[in-house]
Protein backbone atom coordinates (compact mmCIF):
# COMPACT_ATOMS: atom_id res chain seq x y z
CA MET A 1 0.00 0.00 0.00
CA THR A 2 1.46 3.35 -0.98
CA ASN A 3 1.51 6.34 1.35
CA ASP A 4 -1.25 8.15 -0.57
CA LYS A 5 -3.67 5.24 -0.86
CA GLU A 6 -6.70 5.34 1.42
CA ILE A 7 -8.43 2.41 3.04
CA SER A 8 -11.63 1.93 1.08
CA LYS A 9 -14.78 0.05 2.01
CA ASP A 10 -13.58 -2.72 -0.34
CA ILE A 11 -10.43 -3.20 1.74
CA ILE A 12 -12.54 -3.22 4.91
CA GLU A 13 -14.72 -5.94 3.31
CA GLN A 14 -11.64 -8.04 2.48
CA ILE A 15 -10.34 -7.73 6.04
CA ALA A 16 -13.78 -8.56 7.47
CA ASP A 17 -14.00 -11.65 5.26
CA LEU A 18 -10.57 -12.83 6.41
CA ALA A 19 -11.56 -12.25 10.05
CA LEU A 20 -14.96 -13.94 9.52
CA LEU A 21 -16.78 -10.74 10.53
CA GLU A 22 -20.13 -9.63 9.20
CA LEU A 23 -20.19 -5.83 8.96
CA THR A 24 -23.07 -3.59 8.01
CA PRO A 25 -22.54 -0.98 5.27
CA GLU A 26 -22.57 1.70 7.98
CA GLU A 27 -19.83 -0.10 9.93
CA LYS A 28 -17.70 -0.45 6.80
CA GLU A 29 -18.05 3.29 6.16
CA THR A 30 -17.25 4.14 9.79
CA PHE A 31 -14.18 1.87 9.94
CA SER A 32 -12.91 3.23 6.63
CA LYS A 33 -13.15 6.82 7.92
CA GLN A 34 -11.60 5.96 11.29
CA LEU A 35 -8.65 4.05 9.82
CA ASN A 36 -7.97 6.78 7.27
CA SER A 37 -8.00 9.34 10.08
CA ILE A 38 -5.46 7.29 12.04
CA LEU A 39 -3.22 6.92 8.97
CA SER A 40 -3.36 10.66 8.26
CA TYR A 41 -2.20 11.31 11.83
CA PHE A 42 0.78 8.98 11.32
CA LYS A 43 1.62 10.82 8.10
CA LYS A 44 1.78 14.03 10.13
CA LEU A 45 4.09 12.36 12.64
CA ASN A 46 6.37 11.20 9.82
CA ASN A 47 6.88 14.85 8.82
CA LEU A 48 8.10 15.96 12.26
CA ASP A 49 11.75 16.94 12.64
CA THR A 50 13.15 14.61 15.32
CA GLU A 51 16.81 15.13 14.46
CA ASN A 52 17.76 16.61 17.86
CA VAL A 53 15.36 14.56 19.99
CA GLU A 54 17.02 12.01 22.24
CA PRO A 55 15.39 8.55 22.10
CA THR A 56 13.23 7.65 25.07
CA ARG A 57 13.80 4.28 26.69
CA HIS A 58 10.84 4.51 29.02
CA PRO A 59 8.51 7.41 29.80
CA ILE A 60 8.88 6.88 33.56
CA GLU A 61 12.60 6.54 34.32
CA GLU A 62 12.27 5.47 37.99
CA LEU A 63 9.76 2.69 37.30
CA LYS A 64 11.09 -0.72 38.28
CA ASN A 65 9.50 -4.10 37.64
CA VAL A 66 8.88 -6.29 40.64
CA PHE A 67 9.23 -9.95 39.86
CA ARG A 68 8.30 -12.85 42.07
CA GLU A 69 10.71 -15.70 42.50
CA ASP A 70 10.13 -18.36 39.88
CA LYS A 71 9.37 -21.53 41.82
CA PRO A 72 8.23 -24.68 40.05
CA TRP A 73 5.22 -26.47 41.48
CA GLU A 74 3.25 -29.58 40.71
CA GLY A 75 0.62 -29.06 38.03
CA LEU A 76 -2.88 -30.49 37.89
CA SER A 77 -3.38 -34.14 37.13
CA GLN A 78 -5.37 -34.95 34.00
CA GLU A 79 -8.32 -35.99 36.18
CA GLU A 80 -8.25 -32.70 38.12
CA ALA A 81 -7.96 -30.65 34.93
CA LEU A 82 -10.98 -32.38 33.36
CA LYS A 83 -13.28 -32.59 36.38
CA ASN A 84 -15.01 -29.22 35.73
CA ALA A 85 -15.05 -29.48 31.93
CA GLN A 86 -18.56 -29.70 30.55
CA HIS A 87 -17.58 -31.89 27.58
CA THR A 88 -14.62 -34.26 27.34
CA LYS A 89 -13.49 -36.86 24.85
CA ASP A 90 -10.60 -39.33 25.09
CA GLY A 91 -9.03 -37.49 28.04
CA TYR A 92 -9.23 -34.01 26.46
CA ILE A 93 -11.56 -31.03 26.82
CA LYS A 94 -13.95 -30.98 23.87
CA ALA A 95 -14.72 -27.49 22.59
CA PRO A 96 -17.32 -26.43 20.02
CA ARG A 97 -16.22 -25.92 16.43
CA ILE A 98 -15.57 -22.23 15.74
CA LEU A 99 -14.63 -22.22 12.05
CA LYS A 100 -17.05 -22.59 9.18
CA GLU A 101 -16.45 -25.43 6.77
């Protein structure tokens, strides 16, 4: 996609088809406008002069992550893992089909 090309309703339809989404014509129009607005904002950002701006590693310099000690523990047995499952088959959790054929 070139920098000047806009996201049309046709492109929104292609993306919706790939994501298995059913969109109304109004939603396609709305998403097209919203995505084009976002892209135009990024085009503005691309034009900013950042030559003398030092890169930022993190917006809050004093922020430190707190990690817990990584201790291994015994996992669930297969019986324990399956006891609350509504549907099981051959020792596995059986889930409904989510993709169309």
